């Protein structure tokens, strides 16, 4: 029973092949290395950008191509346009907050400096 286990581990009753003088590996390892496909060169950044652009354009064709801003607004309802307008006004108010706070803080510092 011990001998059977050894045969299975060694592999299908094949004797181990002697090491190659060139590589120091057995014949089976040399054969496995020779059977490997050659490694393809990695793509450059330009080739990758071109490939990604081509994939993006193919994905857009699937959905009907690019849409202009005018085409998007032509499909919007009045409610959607109103919500967009309220959002734009709110964003402008939010963006104006910090400069106004800086002006107020500057006036505060000026006021404190003149009393001393």
PDB file of N, CA and C in Angstrom:
ATOM      1  N   UNK A   1       0.824  -1.195   0.000  1.00  0.00           N
ATOM      2  CA  UNK A   1       0.000   0.000   0.000  1.00  0.00           C
ATOM      3  C   UNK A   1       0.864   1.253   0.000  1.00  0.00           C
ATOM      4  N   UNK A   2       1.973   1.234   0.637  1.00  0.00           N
ATOM      5  CA  UNK A   2       2.864   2.377   0.644  1.00  0.00           C
ATOM      6  C   UNK A   2       3.403   2.633  -0.754  1.00  0.00           C
ATOM      7  N   UNK A   3       3.688   1.531  -1.475  1.00  0.00           N
ATOM      8  CA  UNK A   3       4.239   1.664  -2.818  1.00  0.00           C
ATOM      9  C   UNK A   3       3.206   2.269  -3.768  1.00  0.00           C
ATOM     10  N   UNK A   4       1.934   1.903  -3.604  1.00  0.00           N
ATOM     11  CA  UNK A   4       0.876   2.466  -4.441  1.00  0.00           C
ATOM     12  C   UNK A   4       0.783   3.971  -4.230  1.00  0.00           C
ATOM     13  N   UNK A   5       0.862   4.409  -3.009  1.00  0.00           N
ATOM     14  CA  UNK A   5       0.785   5.834  -2.715  1.00  0.00           C
ATOM     15  C   UNK A   5       1.955   6.574  -3.344  1.00  0.00           C
ATOM     16  N   UNK A   6       3.120   5.969  -3.322  1.00  0.00           N
ATOM     17  CA  UNK A   6       4.304   6.591  -3.900  1.00  0.00           C
ATOM     18  C   UNK A   6       4.150   6.731  -5.416  1.00  0.00           C
ATOM     19  N   UNK A   7       3.573   5.741  -6.058  1.00  0.00           N
ATOM     20  CA  UNK A   7       3.380   5.791  -7.509  1.00  0.00           C
ATOM     21  C   UNK A   7       2.415   6.923  -7.873  1.00  0.00           C
ATOM     22  N   UNK A   8       1.380   7.091  -7.109  1.00  0.00           N
ATOM     23  CA  UNK A   8       0.415   8.155  -7.384  1.00  0.00           C
ATOM     24  C   UNK A   8       1.056   9.512  -7.205  1.00  0.00           C
ATOM     25  N   UNK A   9       1.864   9.686  -6.195  1.00  0.00           N
ATOM     26  CA  UNK A   9       2.518  10.967  -5.933  1.00  0.00           C
ATOM     27  C   UNK A   9       3.520  11.280  -7.022  1.00  0.00           C
ATOM     28  N   UNK A  10       4.327  10.287  -7.429  1.00  0.00           N
ATOM     29  CA  UNK A  10       5.331  10.515  -8.455  1.00  0.00           C
ATOM     30  C   UNK A  10       4.644  10.816  -9.775  1.00  0.00           C
ATOM     31  N   UNK A  11       3.557  10.160 -10.073  1.00  0.00           N
ATOM     32  CA  UNK A  11       2.784  10.514 -11.246  1.00  0.00           C
ATOM     33  C   UNK A  11       2.787   9.464 -12.328  1.00  0.00           C
ATOM     34  N   UNK A  12       1.825   8.628 -12.354  1.00  0.00           N
ATOM     35  CA  UNK A  12       1.502   7.693 -13.430  1.00  0.00           C
ATOM     36  C   UNK A  12       2.677   6.811 -13.846  1.00  0.00           C
ATOM     37  N   UNK A  13       3.425   6.304 -12.892  1.00  0.00           N
ATOM     38  CA  UNK A  13       4.511   5.360 -13.134  1.00  0.00           C
ATOM     39  C   UNK A  13       5.607   5.897 -14.039  1.00  0.00           C
ATOM     40  N   UNK A  14       5.714   7.221 -14.217  1.00  0.00           N
ATOM     41  CA  UNK A  14       6.783   7.771 -15.046  1.00  0.00           C
ATOM     42  C   UNK A  14       7.975   8.073 -14.157  1.00  0.00           C
ATOM     43  N   UNK A  15       9.141   7.615 -14.574  1.00  0.00           N
ATOM     44  CA  UNK A  15      10.319   7.959 -13.768  1.00  0.00           C
ATOM     45  C   UNK A  15      10.628   9.441 -13.934  1.00  0.00           C
ATOM     46  N   UNK A  16      11.199  10.015 -12.920  1.00  0.00           N
ATOM     47  CA  UNK A  16      11.563  11.427 -12.994  1.00  0.00           C
ATOM     48  C   UNK A  16      12.646  11.590 -14.042  1.00  0.00           C
ATOM     49  N   UNK A  17      12.498  12.552 -14.937  1.00  0.00           N
ATOM     50  CA  UNK A  17      13.477  12.753 -16.000  1.00  0.00           C
ATOM     51  C   UNK A  17      14.688  13.493 -15.437  1.00  0.00           C
ATOM     52  N   UNK A  18      15.853  13.218 -15.991  1.00  0.00           N
ATOM     53  CA  UNK A  18      17.059  13.878 -15.476  1.00  0.00           C
ATOM     54  C   UNK A  18      17.030  15.372 -15.774  1.00  0.00           C
ATOM     55  N   UNK A  19      17.772  16.116 -14.990  1.00  0.00           N
ATOM     56  CA  UNK A  19      17.810  17.562 -15.158  1.00  0.00           C
ATOM     57  C   UNK A  19      18.555  17.932 -16.424  1.00  0.00           C
ATOM     58  N   UNK A  20      18.085  18.962 -17.076  1.00  0.00           N
ATOM     59  CA  UNK A  20      18.722  19.466 -18.287  1.00  0.00           C
ATOM     60  C   UNK A  20      20.004  20.188 -17.904  1.00  0.00           C
ATOM     61  N   UNK A  21      21.103  19.994 -18.658  1.00  0.00           N
ATOM     62  CA  UNK A  21      22.342  20.687 -18.300  1.00  0.00           C
ATOM     63  C   UNK A  21      22.246  22.196 -18.518  1.00  0.00           C
ATOM     64  N   UNK A  22      21.369  22.642 -19.439  1.00  0.00           N
ATOM     65  CA  UNK A  22      21.262  24.071 -19.738  1.00  0.00           C
ATOM     66  C   UNK A  22      20.483  24.827 -18.658  1.00  0.00           C
ATOM     67  N   UNK A  23      19.318  24.294 -18.283  1.00  0.00           N
ATOM     68  CA  UNK A  23      18.456  25.022 -17.352  1.00  0.00           C
ATOM     69  C   UNK A  23      18.511  24.474 -15.943  1.00  0.00           C
ATOM     70  N   UNK A  24      18.931  23.244 -15.775  1.00  0.00           N
ATOM     71  CA  UNK A  24      18.938  22.640 -14.457  1.00  0.00           C
ATOM     72  C   UNK A  24      17.560  22.140 -14.052  1.00  0.00           C
ATOM     73  N   UNK A  25      16.597  22.155 -14.988  1.00  0.00           N
ATOM     74  CA  UNK A  25      15.238  21.693 -14.701  1.00  0.00           C
ATOM     75  C   UNK A  25      15.008  20.354 -15.372  1.00  0.00           C
ATOM     76  N   UNK A  26      13.992  19.652 -14.914  1.00  0.00           N
ATOM     77  CA  UNK A  26      13.698  18.355 -15.509  1.00  0.00           C
ATOM     78  C   UNK A  26      13.090  18.557 -16.893  1.00  0.00           C
ATOM     79  N   UNK A  27      13.055  17.497 -17.661  1.00  0.00           N
ATOM     80  CA  UNK A  27      12.526  17.564 -19.025  1.00  0.00           C
ATOM     81  C   UNK A  27      11.075  17.989 -19.071  1.00  0.00           C
ATOM     82  N   UNK A  28      10.288  17.525 -18.100  1.00  0.00           N
ATOM     83  CA  UNK A  28       8.868  17.899 -18.083  1.00  0.00           C
ATOM     84  C   UNK A  28       8.709  19.394 -17.847  1.00  0.00           C
ATOM     85  N   UNK A  29       9.546  19.976 -17.002  1.00  0.00           N
ATOM     86  CA  UNK A  29       9.461  21.409 -16.758  1.00  0.00           C
ATOM     87  C   UNK A  29       9.853  22.190 -18.006  1.00  0.00           C
ATOM     88  N   UNK A  30      10.880  21.710 -18.730  1.00  0.00           N
ATOM     89  CA  UNK A  30      11.279  22.370 -19.977  1.00  0.00           C
ATOM     90  C   UNK A  30      10.146  22.322 -20.995  1.00  0.00           C
ATOM     91  N   UNK A  31       9.470  21.156 -21.074  1.00  0.00           N
ATOM     92  CA  UNK A  31       8.356  21.032 -22.014  1.00  0.00           C
ATOM     93  C   UNK A  31       7.228  21.985 -21.641  1.00  0.00           C
ATOM     94  N   UNK A  32       6.939  22.095 -20.359  1.00  0.00           N
ATOM     95  CA  UNK A  32       5.862  22.981 -19.919  1.00  0.00           C
ATOM     96  C   UNK A  32       6.209  24.429 -20.226  1.00  0.00           C
ATOM     97  N   UNK A  33       7.457  24.808 -20.059  1.00  0.00           N
ATOM     98  CA  UNK A  33       7.877  26.176 -20.346  1.00  0.00           C
ATOM     99  C   UNK A  33       7.812  26.438 -21.847  1.00  0.00           C
ATOM    100  N   UNK A  34       8.205  25.449 -22.659  1.00  0.00           N
ATOM    101  CA  UNK A  34       8.185  25.614 -24.104  1.00  0.00           C
ATOM    102  C   UNK A  34       6.760  25.735 -24.624  1.00  0.00           C
ATOM    103  N   UNK A  35       5.787  25.110 -23.956  1.00  0.00           N
ATOM    104  CA  UNK A  35       4.398  25.157 -24.400  1.00  0.00           C
ATOM    105  C   UNK A  35       3.713  26.484 -24.073  1.00  0.00           C
ATOM    106  N   UNK A  36       4.306  27.289 -23.207  1.00  0.00           N
ATOM    107  CA  UNK A  36       3.676  28.554 -22.835  1.00  0.00           C
ATOM    108  C   UNK A  36       3.655  29.510 -24.018  1.00  0.00           C
ATOM    109  N   UNK A  37       2.603  30.300 -24.099  1.00  0.00           N
ATOM    110  CA  UNK A  37       2.493  31.301 -25.154  1.00  0.00           C
ATOM    111  C   UNK A  37       3.441  32.450 -24.851  1.00  0.00           C
ATOM    112  N   UNK A  38       3.977  33.097 -25.874  1.00  0.00           N
ATOM    113  CA  UNK A  38       4.840  34.250 -25.610  1.00  0.00           C
ATOM    114  C   UNK A  38       4.034  35.383 -24.985  1.00  0.00           C
ATOM    115  N   UNK A  39       4.652  36.103 -24.098  1.00  0.00           N
ATOM    116  CA  UNK A  39       3.973  37.197 -23.407  1.00  0.00           C
ATOM    117  C   UNK A  39       3.871  38.377 -24.353  1.00  0.00           C
ATOM    118  N   UNK A  40       2.646  38.878 -24.519  1.00  0.00           N
ATOM    119  CA  UNK A  40       2.438  40.026 -25.395  1.00  0.00           C
ATOM    120  C   UNK A  40       2.936  41.290 -24.696  1.00  0.00           C
ATOM    121  N   UNK A  41       3.436  42.213 -25.479  1.00  0.00           N
ATOM    122  CA  UNK A  41       3.924  43.474 -24.914  1.00  0.00           C
ATOM    123  C   UNK A  41       2.750  44.261 -24.351  1.00  0.00           C
ATOM    124  N   UNK A  42       2.979  44.943 -23.240  1.00  0.00           N
ATOM    125  CA  UNK A  42       1.919  45.732 -22.633  1.00  0.00           C
ATOM    126  C   UNK A  42       1.623  46.940 -23.508  1.00  0.00           C
ATOM    127  N   UNK A  43       0.355  47.361 -23.512  1.00  0.00           N
ATOM    128  CA  UNK A  43      -0.019  48.490 -24.349  1.00  0.00           C
ATOM    129  C   UNK A  43       0.468  49.801 -23.732  1.00  0.00           C
ATOM    130  N   UNK A  44       0.786  50.739 -24.590  1.00  0.00           N
ATOM    131  CA  UNK A  44       1.269  52.030 -24.126  1.00  0.00           C
ATOM    132  C   UNK A  44       0.085  52.863 -23.653  1.00  0.00           C
ATOM    133  N   UNK A  45       0.372  53.997 -23.057  1.00  0.00           N
ATOM    134  CA  UNK A  45      -0.692  54.879 -22.572  1.00  0.00           C
ATOM    135  C   UNK A  45      -1.536  55.387 -23.737  1.00  0.00           C
ATOM    136  N   UNK A  46      -0.893  55.683 -24.868  1.00  0.00           N
ATOM    137  CA  UNK A  46      -1.633  56.151 -26.041  1.00  0.00           C
ATOM    138  C   UNK A  46      -2.557  55.065 -26.572  1.00  0.00           C
ATOM    139  N   UNK A  47      -2.064  53.846 -26.646  1.00  0.00           N
ATOM    140  CA  UNK A  47      -2.886  52.744 -27.137  1.00  0.00           C
ATOM    141  C   UNK A  47      -4.050  52.472 -26.192  1.00  0.00           C
ATOM    142  N   UNK A  48      -3.800  52.587 -24.890  1.00  0.00           N
ATOM    143  CA  UNK A  48      -4.867  52.366 -23.916  1.00  0.00           C
ATOM    144  C   UNK A  48      -5.935  53.445 -24.031  1.00  0.00           C
ATOM    145  N   UNK A  49      -5.515  54.706 -24.191  1.00  0.00           N
ATOM    146  CA  UNK A  49      -6.479  55.803 -24.335  1.00  0.00           C
ATOM    147  C   UNK A  49      -7.305  55.619 -25.597  1.00  0.00           C
ATOM    148  N   UNK A  50      -6.670  55.208 -26.688  1.00  0.00           N
ATOM    149  CA  UNK A  50      -7.394  54.985 -27.939  1.00  0.00           C
ATOM    150  C   UNK A  50      -8.387  53.840 -27.791  1.00  0.00           C
ATOM    151  N   UNK A  51      -7.955  52.764 -27.122  1.00  0.00           N
ATOM    152  CA  UNK A  51      -8.858  51.620 -26.919  1.00  0.00           C
ATOM    153  C   UNK A  51     -10.053  51.999 -26.065  1.00  0.00           C
ATOM    154  N   UNK A  52      -9.808  52.751 -24.985  1.00  0.00           N
ATOM    155  CA  UNK A  52     -10.905  53.165 -24.109  1.00  0.00           C
ATOM    156  C   UNK A  52     -11.866  54.105 -24.824  1.00  0.00           C
ATOM    157  N   UNK A  53     -11.337  55.010 -25.651  1.00  0.00           N
ATOM    158  CA  UNK A  53     -12.198  55.919 -26.404  1.00  0.00           C
ATOM    159  C   UNK A  53     -13.069  55.142 -27.383  1.00  0.00           C
ATOM    160  N   UNK A  54     -12.485  54.140 -28.022  1.00  0.00           N
ATOM    161  CA  UNK A  54     -13.254  53.320 -28.961  1.00  0.00           C
ATOM    162  C   UNK A  54     -14.358  52.549 -28.227  1.00  0.00           C
ATOM    163  N   UNK A  55     -14.032  51.997 -27.050  1.00  0.00           N
ATOM    164  CA  UNK A  55     -15.039  51.270 -26.267  1.00  0.00           C
ATOM    165  C   UNK A  55     -16.162  52.198 -25.834  1.00  0.00           C
ATOM    166  N   UNK A  56     -15.805  53.435 -25.407  1.00  0.00           N
ATOM    167  CA  UNK A  56     -16.830  54.397 -24.995  1.00  0.00           C
ATOM    168  C   UNK A  56     -17.762  54.747 -26.149  1.00  0.00           C
ATOM    169  N   UNK A  57     -17.192  54.962 -27.333  1.00  0.00           N
ATOM    170  CA  UNK A  57     -18.029  55.320 -28.473  1.00  0.00           C
ATOM    171  C   UNK A  57     -18.936  54.166 -28.876  1.00  0.00           C
ATOM    172  N   UNK A  58     -18.426  52.931 -28.756  1.00  0.00           N
ATOM    173  CA  UNK A  58     -19.265  51.770 -29.058  1.00  0.00           C
ATOM    174  C   UNK A  58     -20.399  51.644 -28.043  1.00  0.00           C
ATOM    175  N   UNK A  59     -20.118  51.929 -26.770  1.00  0.00           N
ATOM    176  CA  UNK A  59     -21.168  51.873 -25.745  1.00  0.00           C
ATOM    177  C   UNK A  59     -22.215  52.960 -25.979  1.00  0.00           C
ATOM    178  N   UNK A  60     -21.779  54.143 -26.421  1.00  0.00           N
ATOM    179  CA  UNK A  60     -22.733  55.216 -26.699  1.00  0.00           C
ATOM    180  C   UNK A  60     -23.634  54.874 -27.880  1.00  0.00           C
ATOM    181  N   UNK A  61     -23.085  54.211 -28.896  1.00  0.00           N
ATOM    182  CA  UNK A  61     -23.890  53.825 -30.057  1.00  0.00           C
ATOM    183  C   UNK A  61     -25.021  52.901 -29.634  1.00  0.00           C
ATOM    184  N   UNK A  62     -24.763  52.101 -28.620  1.00  0.00           N
ATOM    185  CA  UNK A  62     -25.776  51.174 -28.125  1.00  0.00           C
ATOM    186  C   UNK A  62     -26.996  51.932 -27.587  1.00  0.00           C
ATOM    187  N   UNK A  63     -26.754  53.124 -27.036  1.00  0.00           N
ATOM    188  CA  UNK A  63     -27.840  53.914 -26.453  1.00  0.00           C
ATOM    189  C   UNK A  63     -28.318  55.030 -27.378  1.00  0.00           C
ATOM    190  N   UNK A  64     -27.817  55.088 -28.594  1.00  0.00           N
ATOM    191  CA  UNK A  64     -28.301  56.080 -29.536  1.00  0.00           C
ATOM    192  C   UNK A  64     -27.339  57.227 -29.762  1.00  0.00           C
ATOM    193  N   UNK A  65     -26.153  57.190 -29.264  1.00  0.00           N
ATOM    194  CA  UNK A  65     -25.159  58.231 -29.488  1.00  0.00           C
ATOM    195  C   UNK A  65     -25.205  59.324 -28.444  1.00  0.00           C
ATOM    196  N   UNK A  66     -24.409  60.376 -28.687  1.00  0.00           N
ATOM    197  CA  UNK A  66     -24.328  61.488 -27.746  1.00  0.00           C
ATOM    198  C   UNK A  66     -25.584  62.345 -27.840  1.00  0.00           C
ATOM    199  N   UNK A  67     -25.938  62.966 -26.727  1.00  0.00           N
ATOM    200  CA  UNK A  67     -27.096  63.850 -26.693  1.00  0.00           C
ATOM    201  C   UNK A  67     -26.618  65.258 -26.354  1.00  0.00           C
ATOM    202  N   UNK A  68     -27.123  66.251 -27.080  1.00  0.00           N
ATOM    203  CA  UNK A  68     -26.739  67.633 -26.800  1.00  0.00           C
ATOM    204  C   UNK A  68     -27.563  68.163 -25.632  1.00  0.00           C
ATOM    205  N   UNK A  69     -27.146  69.315 -25.088  1.00  0.00           N
ATOM    206  CA  UNK A  69     -27.869  69.920 -23.980  1.00  0.00           C
ATOM    207  C   UNK A  69     -29.271  70.337 -24.417  1.00  0.00           C
ATOM    208  N   UNK A  70     -29.365  70.851 -25.633  1.00  0.00           N
ATOM    209  CA  UNK A  70     -30.678  71.248 -26.162  1.00  0.00           C
ATOM    210  C   UNK A  70     -31.625  70.070 -26.271  1.00  0.00           C
ATOM    211  N   UNK A  71     -31.096  68.913 -26.703  1.00  0.00           N
ATOM    212  CA  UNK A  71     -31.938  67.719 -26.818  1.00  0.00           C
ATOM    213  C   UNK A  71     -32.419  67.262 -25.443  1.00  0.00           C
ATOM    214  N   UNK A  72     -31.559  67.391 -24.432  1.00  0.00           N
ATOM    215  CA  UNK A  72     -31.976  66.998 -23.082  1.00  0.00           C
ATOM    216  C   UNK A  72     -33.064  67.920 -22.543  1.00  0.00           C
ATOM    217  N   UNK A  73     -32.890  69.245 -22.751  1.00  0.00           N
ATOM    218  CA  UNK A  73     -33.894  70.190 -22.254  1.00  0.00           C
ATOM    219  C   UNK A  73     -35.199  70.100 -23.029  1.00  0.00           C
ATOM    220  N   UNK A  74     -35.148  69.692 -24.278  1.00  0.00           N
ATOM    221  CA  UNK A  74     -36.381  69.575 -25.049  1.00  0.00           C
ATOM    222  C   UNK A  74     -37.250  68.434 -24.523  1.00  0.00           C
ATOM    223  N   UNK A  75     -36.648  67.486 -23.873  1.00  0.00           N
ATOM    224  CA  UNK A  75     -37.392  66.348 -23.327  1.00  0.00           C
ATOM    225  C   UNK A  75     -37.832  66.565 -21.879  1.00  0.00           C
ATOM    226  N   UNK A  76     -37.379  67.661 -21.249  1.00  0.00           N
ATOM    227  CA  UNK A  76     -37.719  67.914 -19.843  1.00  0.00           C
ATOM    228  C   UNK A  76     -39.117  68.510 -19.724  1.00  0.00           C
ATOM    229  N   UNK A  77     -39.794  68.140 -18.646  1.00  0.00           N
ATOM    230  CA  UNK A  77     -41.127  68.711 -18.389  1.00  0.00           C
ATOM    231  C   UNK A  77     -40.954  70.051 -17.678  1.00  0.00           C
ATOM    232  N   UNK A  78     -42.064  70.794 -17.550  1.00  0.00           N
ATOM    233  CA  UNK A  78     -42.018  72.094 -16.874  1.00  0.00           C
ATOM    234  C   UNK A  78     -41.603  71.927 -15.410  1.00  0.00           C
ATOM    235  N   UNK A  79     -42.049  70.880 -14.759  1.00  0.00           N
ATOM    236  CA  UNK A  79     -41.695  70.626 -13.366  1.00  0.00           C
ATOM    237  C   UNK A  79     -40.188  70.388 -13.231  1.00  0.00           C
ATOM    238  N   UNK A  80     -39.619  69.625 -14.137  1.00  0.00           N
ATOM    239  CA  UNK A  80     -38.186  69.356 -14.085  1.00  0.00           C
ATOM    240  C   UNK A  80     -37.384  70.624 -14.315  1.00  0.00           C
ATOM    241  N   UNK A  81     -37.844  71.474 -15.226  1.00  0.00           N
ATOM    242  CA  UNK A  81     -37.155  72.743 -15.487  1.00  0.00           C
ATOM    243  C   UNK A  81     -37.242  73.661 -14.270  1.00  0.00           C
ATOM    244  N   UNK A  82     -38.392  73.666 -13.571  1.00  0.00           N
ATOM    245  CA  UNK A  82     -38.559  74.481 -12.375  1.00  0.00           C
ATOM    246  C   UNK A  82     -37.619  74.001 -11.264  1.00  0.00           C
ATOM    247  N   UNK A  83     -37.526  72.713 -11.071  1.00  0.00           N
ATOM    248  CA  UNK A  83     -36.632  72.153 -10.052  1.00  0.00           C
ATOM    249  C   UNK A  83     -35.183  72.496 -10.386  1.00  0.00           C
ATOM    250  N   UNK A  84     -34.822  72.434 -11.650  1.00  0.00           N
ATOM    251  CA  UNK A  84     -33.466  72.781 -12.074  1.00  0.00           C
ATOM    252  C   UNK A  84     -33.187  74.256 -11.804  1.00  0.00           C
ATOM    253  N   UNK A  85     -34.139  75.129 -12.087  1.00  0.00           N
ATOM    254  CA  UNK A  85     -33.971  76.565 -11.841  1.00  0.00           C
ATOM    255  C   UNK A  85     -33.808  76.849 -10.347  1.00  0.00           C
ATOM    256  N   UNK A  86     -34.623  76.215  -9.512  1.00  0.00           N
ATOM    257  CA  UNK A  86     -34.506  76.392  -8.061  1.00  0.00           C
ATOM    258  C   UNK A  86     -33.137  75.899  -7.580  1.00  0.00           C
ATOM    259  N   UNK A  87     -32.659  74.803  -8.140  1.00  0.00           N
ATOM    260  CA  UNK A  87     -31.344  74.282  -7.773  1.00  0.00           C
ATOM    261  C   UNK A  87     -30.223  75.234  -8.170  1.00  0.00           C
ATOM    262  N   UNK A  88     -30.335  75.853  -9.335  1.00  0.00           N
ATOM    263  CA  UNK A  88     -29.307  76.806  -9.783  1.00  0.00           C
ATOM    264  C   UNK A  88     -29.286  78.027  -8.876  1.00  0.00           C
ATOM    265  N   UNK A  89     -30.457  78.557  -8.532  1.00  0.00           N
ATOM    266  CA  UNK A  89     -30.535  79.723  -7.643  1.00  0.00           C
ATOM    267  C   UNK A  89     -29.983  79.367  -6.259  1.00  0.00           C
ATOM    268  N   UNK A  90     -30.317  78.197  -5.758  1.00  0.00           N
ATOM    269  CA  UNK A  90     -29.806  77.752  -4.461  1.00  0.00           C
ATOM    270  C   UNK A  90     -28.287  77.591  -4.475  1.00  0.00           C
ATOM    271  N   UNK A  91     -27.734  77.068  -5.566  1.00  0.00           N
ATOM    272  CA  UNK A  91     -26.282  76.898  -5.671  1.00  0.00           C
ATOM    273  C   UNK A  91     -25.582  78.250  -5.714  1.00  0.00           C
ATOM    274  N   UNK A  92     -26.181  79.219  -6.396  1.00  0.00           N
ATOM    275  CA  UNK A  92     -25.592  80.565  -6.443  1.00  0.00           C
ATOM    276  C   UNK A  92     -25.608  81.200  -5.054  1.00  0.00           C
ATOM    277  N   UNK A  93     -26.696  81.029  -4.315  1.00  0.00           N
ATOM    278  CA  UNK A  93     -26.774  81.562  -2.955  1.00  0.00           C
ATOM    279  C   UNK A  93     -25.761  80.895  -2.032  1.00  0.00           C
ATOM    280  N   UNK A  94     -25.610  79.596  -2.185  1.00  0.00           N
ATOM    281  CA  UNK A  94     -24.648  78.864  -1.365  1.00  0.00           C
ATOM    282  C   UNK A  94     -23.221  79.295  -1.691  1.00  0.00           C
ATOM    283  N   UNK A  95     -22.935  79.526  -2.945  1.00  0.00           N
ATOM    284  CA  UNK A  95     -21.604  79.947  -3.358  1.00  0.00           C
ATOM    285  C   UNK A  95     -21.284  81.367  -2.939  1.00  0.00           C
ATOM    286  N   UNK A  96     -22.306  82.211  -2.805  1.00  0.00           N
ATOM    287  CA  UNK A  96     -22.083  83.607  -2.418  1.00  0.00           C
ATOM    288  C   UNK A  96     -21.881  83.744  -0.911  1.00  0.00           C
ATOM    289  N   UNK A  97     -22.166  82.723  -0.148  1.00  0.00           N
ATOM    290  CA  UNK A  97     -22.078  82.798   1.314  1.00  0.00           C
ATOM    291  C   UNK A  97     -20.681  83.064   1.832  1.00  0.00           C
ATOM    292  N   UNK A  98     -19.689  82.364   1.354  1.00  0.00           N
ATOM    293  CA  UNK A  98     -18.332  82.528   1.880  1.00  0.00           C
ATOM    294  C   UNK A  98     -17.744  83.906   1.555  1.00  0.00           C
ATOM    295  N   UNK A  99     -17.853  84.409   0.328  1.00  0.00           N
ATOM    296  CA  UNK A  99     -17.323  85.761   0.090  1.00  0.00           C
ATOM    297  C   UNK A  99     -18.023  86.825   0.944  1.00  0.00           C
ATOM    298  N   UNK A 100     -19.325  86.681   1.130  1.00  0.00           N
ATOM    299  CA  UNK A 100     -20.042  87.648   1.973  1.00  0.00           C
ATOM    300  C   UNK A 100     -19.574  87.550   3.423  1.00  0.00           C
ATOM    301  N   UNK A 101     -19.320  86.346   3.903  1.00  0.00           N
ATOM    302  CA  UNK A 101     -18.826  86.162   5.268  1.00  0.00           C
ATOM    303  C   UNK A 101     -17.443  86.787   5.424  1.00  0.00           C
ATOM    304  N   UNK A 102     -16.604  86.662   4.398  1.00  0.00           N
ATOM    305  CA  UNK A 102     -15.267  87.278   4.447  1.00  0.00           C
ATOM    306  C   UNK A 102     -15.388  88.800   4.524  1.00  0.00           C
ATOM    307  N   UNK A 103     -16.299  89.369   3.755  1.00  0.00           N
ATOM    308  CA  UNK A 103     -16.503  90.819   3.797  1.00  0.00           C
ATOM    309  C   UNK A 103     -16.988  91.260   5.183  1.00  0.00           C
ATOM    310  N   UNK A 104     -17.930  90.528   5.745  1.00  0.00           N
ATOM    311  CA  UNK A 104     -18.456  90.869   7.068  1.00  0.00           C
ATOM    312  C   UNK A 104     -17.367  90.746   8.135  1.00  0.00           C
ATOM    313  N   UNK A 105     -16.554  89.702   8.052  1.00  0.00           N
ATOM    314  CA  UNK A 105     -15.475  89.512   9.017  1.00  0.00           C
ATOM    315  C   UNK A 105     -14.441  90.632   8.890  1.00  0.00           C
ATOM    316  N   UNK A 106     -14.151  91.044   7.647  1.00  0.00           N
ATOM    317  CA  UNK A 106     -13.220  92.154   7.429  1.00  0.00           C
ATOM    318  C   UNK A 106     -13.737  93.445   8.032  1.00  0.00           C
ATOM    319  N   UNK A 107     -15.031  93.721   7.845  1.00  0.00           N
ATOM    320  CA  UNK A 107     -15.637  94.922   8.458  1.00  0.00           C
ATOM    321  C   UNK A 107     -15.590  94.841   9.971  1.00  0.00           C
ATOM    322  N   UNK A 108     -15.785  93.646  10.532  1.00  0.00           N
ATOM    323  CA  UNK A 108     -15.724  93.445  11.973  1.00  0.00           C
ATOM    324  C   UNK A 108     -14.302  93.775  12.493  1.00  0.00           C
ATOM    325  N   UNK A 109     -13.290  93.264  11.800  1.00  0.00           N
ATOM    326  CA  UNK A 109     -11.907  93.532  12.196  1.00  0.00           C
ATOM    327  C   UNK A 109     -11.587  95.029  12.086  1.00  0.00           C
ATOM    328  N   UNK A 110     -12.078  95.668  11.030  1.00  0.00           N
ATOM    329  CA  UNK A 110     -11.871  97.112  10.870  1.00  0.00           C
ATOM    330  C   UNK A 110     -12.530  97.868  12.022  1.00  0.00           C
ATOM    331  N   UNK A 111     -13.731  97.443  12.378  1.00  0.00           N
ATOM    332  CA  UNK A 111     -14.446  98.104  13.461  1.00  0.00           C
ATOM    333  C   UNK A 111     -13.738  97.944  14.805  1.00  0.00           C
ATOM    334  N   UNK A 112     -13.168  96.753  15.071  1.00  0.00           N
ATOM    335  CA  UNK A 112     -12.453  96.518  16.319  1.00  0.00           C
ATOM    336  C   UNK A 112     -11.138  97.287  16.357  1.00  0.00           C
ATOM    337  N   UNK A 113     -10.492  97.414  15.225  1.00  0.00           N
ATOM    338  CA  UNK A 113      -9.208  98.105  15.168  1.00  0.00           C
ATOM    339  C   UNK A 113      -9.357  99.598  15.396  1.00  0.00           C
ATOM    340  N   UNK A 114     -10.449 100.198  14.982  1.00  0.00           N
ATOM    341  CA  UNK A 114     -10.629 101.652  15.130  1.00  0.00           C
ATOM    342  C   UNK A 114     -10.990 102.042  16.546  1.00  0.00           C
ATOM    343  N   UNK A 115     -11.510 101.137  17.358  1.00  0.00           N
ATOM    344  CA  UNK A 115     -11.891 101.466  18.733  1.00  0.00           C
ATOM    345  C   UNK A 115     -10.688 101.429  19.664  1.00  0.00           C
ATOM    346  N   UNK A 116      -9.602 100.817  19.290  1.00  0.00           N
ATOM    347  CA  UNK A 116      -8.431 100.712  20.165  1.00  0.00           C
ATOM    348  C   UNK A 116      -7.532 101.849  19.982  1.00  0.00           C
TER     349      UNK A 116
END
